[in-house]
């Protein structure tokens, strides 16, 4: 493997370990849209208890990490959310 890939994998492993150790009790439900491969951001569309719901939108803006730390993150497509 090239050194860039190894470096990225190490960063991902550290990020995973950091998130795994934090049990915030908060949950995120993220509905992904087909945004033609361009830049996307998230908008909060609802919150109840420790659960937050987000919609992916086209264009620049906040990402999930900008809303804080979540113990559980579920991502679904628009079709899965509609089912």
N, C-alpha and C. Protein backbone atom coordinates (compact mmCIF):
# COMPACT_ATOMS: atom_id res chain seq x y z
N UNK A 1 0.84 -1.19 0.00
CA UNK A 1 0.00 0.00 0.00
C UNK A 1 0.88 1.24 0.00
N UNK A 2 0.35 2.29 -0.62
CA UNK A 2 1.16 3.50 -0.58
C UNK A 2 1.02 4.20 0.76
N UNK A 3 1.95 5.08 1.07
CA UNK A 3 2.01 5.70 2.40
C UNK A 3 0.79 6.58 2.69
N UNK A 4 0.21 7.19 1.66
CA UNK A 4 -0.98 8.03 1.87
C UNK A 4 -2.16 7.19 2.35
N UNK A 5 -2.36 6.03 1.75
CA UNK A 5 -3.46 5.14 2.15
C UNK A 5 -3.24 4.67 3.58
N UNK A 6 -2.02 4.29 3.91
CA UNK A 6 -1.71 3.83 5.27
C UNK A 6 -1.97 4.96 6.27
N UNK A 7 -1.55 6.17 5.94
CA UNK A 7 -1.77 7.31 6.81
C UNK A 7 -3.26 7.56 7.03
N UNK A 8 -4.06 7.50 5.97
CA UNK A 8 -5.51 7.70 6.09
C UNK A 8 -6.16 6.61 6.94
N UNK A 9 -5.71 5.36 6.76
CA UNK A 9 -6.25 4.27 7.56
C UNK A 9 -5.94 4.45 9.04
N UNK A 10 -4.73 4.92 9.36
CA UNK A 10 -4.36 5.16 10.75
C UNK A 10 -5.23 6.27 11.35
N UNK A 11 -5.49 7.33 10.58
CA UNK A 11 -6.34 8.41 11.06
C UNK A 11 -7.76 7.91 11.31
N UNK A 12 -8.27 7.10 10.39
CA UNK A 12 -9.61 6.54 10.57
C UNK A 12 -9.68 5.65 11.80
N UNK A 13 -8.64 4.86 12.03
CA UNK A 13 -8.60 3.99 13.19
C UNK A 13 -8.62 4.81 14.49
N UNK A 14 -7.85 5.90 14.53
CA UNK A 14 -7.83 6.76 15.70
C UNK A 14 -9.18 7.43 15.91
N UNK A 15 -9.80 7.89 14.83
CA UNK A 15 -11.11 8.54 14.92
C UNK A 15 -12.15 7.54 15.42
N UNK A 16 -12.11 6.32 14.91
CA UNK A 16 -13.05 5.28 15.34
C UNK A 16 -12.88 5.01 16.83
N UNK A 17 -11.64 4.88 17.28
CA UNK A 17 -11.38 4.61 18.70
C UNK A 17 -11.90 5.76 19.57
N UNK A 18 -11.73 6.99 19.12
CA UNK A 18 -12.20 8.14 19.88
C UNK A 18 -13.71 8.13 19.99
N UNK A 19 -14.41 7.87 18.87
CA UNK A 19 -15.87 7.85 18.89
C UNK A 19 -16.40 6.65 19.67
N UNK A 20 -15.71 5.52 19.58
CA UNK A 20 -16.16 4.32 20.25
C UNK A 20 -16.15 4.49 21.77
N UNK A 21 -15.22 5.28 22.29
CA UNK A 21 -15.08 5.46 23.72
C UNK A 21 -16.10 6.45 24.29
N UNK A 22 -16.72 7.24 23.45
CA UNK A 22 -17.64 8.27 23.92
C UNK A 22 -19.07 7.74 23.82
N UNK A 23 -19.72 7.56 24.95
CA UNK A 23 -21.11 7.14 24.95
C UNK A 23 -21.96 8.32 25.39
N UNK A 24 -22.42 9.08 24.41
CA UNK A 24 -23.17 10.29 24.71
C UNK A 24 -24.65 10.01 24.92
N UNK A 25 -25.11 8.86 24.47
CA UNK A 25 -26.53 8.58 24.54
C UNK A 25 -27.31 9.26 23.43
N UNK A 26 -26.62 10.03 22.61
CA UNK A 26 -27.27 10.74 21.50
C UNK A 26 -27.25 9.87 20.25
N UNK A 27 -28.31 9.94 19.47
CA UNK A 27 -28.43 9.16 18.24
C UNK A 27 -28.74 10.10 17.09
N UNK A 28 -28.22 9.76 15.92
CA UNK A 28 -28.48 10.55 14.71
C UNK A 28 -29.05 9.65 13.63
N UNK A 29 -30.09 10.14 12.98
CA UNK A 29 -30.72 9.48 11.83
C UNK A 29 -30.47 10.41 10.65
N UNK A 30 -29.68 9.95 9.69
CA UNK A 30 -29.28 10.80 8.56
C UNK A 30 -29.85 10.23 7.28
N UNK A 31 -30.66 11.04 6.59
CA UNK A 31 -31.25 10.63 5.32
C UNK A 31 -30.39 11.20 4.20
N UNK A 32 -29.76 10.28 3.44
CA UNK A 32 -28.88 10.68 2.35
C UNK A 32 -29.69 10.89 1.08
N UNK A 33 -29.33 11.90 0.33
CA UNK A 33 -30.00 12.18 -0.94
C UNK A 33 -29.02 11.98 -2.07
N UNK A 34 -29.53 11.81 -3.26
CA UNK A 34 -28.67 11.72 -4.44
C UNK A 34 -28.36 13.14 -4.87
N UNK A 35 -27.25 13.68 -4.38
CA UNK A 35 -26.89 15.07 -4.63
C UNK A 35 -25.86 15.19 -5.74
N UNK A 36 -25.95 14.40 -6.75
CA UNK A 36 -25.12 14.40 -7.96
C UNK A 36 -23.60 14.45 -7.70
N UNK A 37 -23.17 13.94 -6.57
CA UNK A 37 -21.75 13.84 -6.31
C UNK A 37 -21.07 15.13 -5.91
N UNK A 38 -21.79 16.22 -5.85
CA UNK A 38 -21.21 17.50 -5.45
C UNK A 38 -21.11 17.61 -3.94
N UNK A 39 -20.71 18.75 -3.48
CA UNK A 39 -20.59 19.02 -2.05
C UNK A 39 -21.97 19.00 -1.40
N UNK A 40 -22.03 18.43 -0.19
CA UNK A 40 -23.29 18.36 0.54
C UNK A 40 -23.11 18.83 1.98
N UNK A 41 -24.23 19.14 2.61
CA UNK A 41 -24.23 19.50 4.02
C UNK A 41 -25.47 18.87 4.67
N UNK A 42 -25.57 18.97 5.98
CA UNK A 42 -26.71 18.41 6.70
C UNK A 42 -27.53 19.52 7.34
N UNK A 43 -28.84 19.32 7.31
CA UNK A 43 -29.77 20.21 8.01
C UNK A 43 -30.56 19.36 8.99
N UNK A 44 -30.66 19.84 10.23
CA UNK A 44 -31.44 19.11 11.22
C UNK A 44 -32.92 19.31 10.90
N UNK A 45 -33.65 18.19 10.80
CA UNK A 45 -35.06 18.28 10.46
C UNK A 45 -35.96 17.90 11.63
N UNK A 46 -35.34 17.54 12.75
CA UNK A 46 -36.13 17.21 13.93
C UNK A 46 -35.26 16.67 15.03
N UNK A 47 -35.79 16.73 16.24
CA UNK A 47 -35.07 16.22 17.40
C UNK A 47 -36.08 15.85 18.48
N UNK A 48 -35.89 14.70 19.08
CA UNK A 48 -36.75 14.28 20.18
C UNK A 48 -35.94 13.37 21.09
N UNK A 49 -36.01 13.65 22.37
CA UNK A 49 -35.19 12.90 23.32
C UNK A 49 -33.72 13.10 22.97
N UNK A 50 -32.99 12.04 22.90
CA UNK A 50 -31.58 12.10 22.50
C UNK A 50 -31.39 11.77 21.04
N UNK A 51 -32.47 11.84 20.25
CA UNK A 51 -32.40 11.47 18.83
C UNK A 51 -32.55 12.70 17.95
N UNK A 52 -31.66 12.81 16.98
CA UNK A 52 -31.72 13.92 16.03
C UNK A 52 -31.85 13.37 14.62
N UNK A 53 -32.64 14.06 13.81
CA UNK A 53 -32.88 13.65 12.43
C UNK A 53 -32.27 14.70 11.51
N UNK A 54 -31.54 14.24 10.48
CA UNK A 54 -30.88 15.14 9.55
C UNK A 54 -31.22 14.77 8.11
N UNK A 55 -31.25 15.79 7.27
CA UNK A 55 -31.44 15.61 5.82
C UNK A 55 -30.18 16.12 5.13
N UNK A 56 -29.67 15.33 4.20
CA UNK A 56 -28.53 15.77 3.40
C UNK A 56 -29.04 16.70 2.31
N UNK A 57 -28.36 17.83 2.13
CA UNK A 57 -28.75 18.83 1.14
C UNK A 57 -27.55 19.17 0.28
N UNK A 58 -27.77 19.59 -0.96
CA UNK A 58 -26.65 19.98 -1.81
C UNK A 58 -26.03 21.31 -1.35
N UNK A 59 -24.74 21.46 -1.62
CA UNK A 59 -24.04 22.70 -1.33
C UNK A 59 -23.24 22.65 -0.04
N UNK A 60 -22.44 23.67 0.19
CA UNK A 60 -21.61 23.71 1.39
C UNK A 60 -22.43 23.99 2.64
N UNK A 61 -21.92 23.58 3.77
CA UNK A 61 -22.60 23.83 5.03
C UNK A 61 -22.11 22.87 6.10
N UNK A 62 -22.83 22.80 7.22
CA UNK A 62 -22.39 21.98 8.35
C UNK A 62 -22.42 20.49 8.05
N UNK A 63 -21.49 19.79 8.69
CA UNK A 63 -21.41 18.33 8.61
C UNK A 63 -21.86 17.77 9.96
N UNK A 64 -22.01 16.47 10.06
CA UNK A 64 -22.52 15.86 11.28
C UNK A 64 -21.68 16.24 12.50
N UNK A 65 -20.37 16.26 12.37
CA UNK A 65 -19.50 16.59 13.51
C UNK A 65 -19.78 17.99 14.05
N UNK A 66 -20.32 18.87 13.22
CA UNK A 66 -20.64 20.23 13.66
C UNK A 66 -21.83 20.26 14.62
N UNK A 67 -22.59 19.18 14.70
CA UNK A 67 -23.74 19.10 15.60
C UNK A 67 -23.40 18.40 16.91
N UNK A 68 -22.15 18.00 17.08
CA UNK A 68 -21.72 17.34 18.31
C UNK A 68 -21.40 15.88 18.07
N UNK A 69 -21.27 15.14 19.17
CA UNK A 69 -20.90 13.73 19.12
C UNK A 69 -22.13 12.87 19.33
N UNK A 70 -22.23 11.82 18.52
CA UNK A 70 -23.34 10.88 18.60
C UNK A 70 -22.80 9.48 18.86
N UNK A 71 -23.47 8.73 19.73
CA UNK A 71 -23.06 7.35 20.01
C UNK A 71 -23.47 6.43 18.87
N UNK A 72 -24.62 6.70 18.28
CA UNK A 72 -25.13 5.87 17.18
C UNK A 72 -25.49 6.79 16.02
N UNK A 73 -25.03 6.41 14.82
CA UNK A 73 -25.38 7.16 13.61
C UNK A 73 -25.93 6.16 12.60
N UNK A 74 -27.18 6.36 12.20
CA UNK A 74 -27.81 5.52 11.20
C UNK A 74 -27.98 6.34 9.94
N UNK A 75 -27.43 5.85 8.83
CA UNK A 75 -27.60 6.53 7.56
C UNK A 75 -28.47 5.67 6.66
N UNK A 76 -29.44 6.31 6.03
CA UNK A 76 -30.35 5.62 5.12
C UNK A 76 -30.53 6.46 3.87
N UNK A 77 -30.91 5.82 2.79
CA UNK A 77 -31.23 6.55 1.57
C UNK A 77 -32.64 7.12 1.68
N UNK A 78 -32.98 8.01 0.79
CA UNK A 78 -34.33 8.57 0.79
C UNK A 78 -35.37 7.49 0.58
N UNK A 79 -35.08 6.52 -0.32
CA UNK A 79 -36.02 5.43 -0.58
C UNK A 79 -36.21 4.57 0.67
N UNK A 80 -35.14 4.28 1.41
CA UNK A 80 -35.25 3.49 2.63
C UNK A 80 -36.05 4.25 3.69
N UNK A 81 -35.87 5.55 3.75
CA UNK A 81 -36.59 6.36 4.72
C UNK A 81 -38.09 6.39 4.40
N UNK A 82 -38.42 6.37 3.11
CA UNK A 82 -39.82 6.42 2.68
C UNK A 82 -40.53 5.08 2.88
N UNK A 83 -39.77 3.99 2.98
CA UNK A 83 -40.37 2.63 3.08
C UNK A 83 -41.04 2.41 4.40
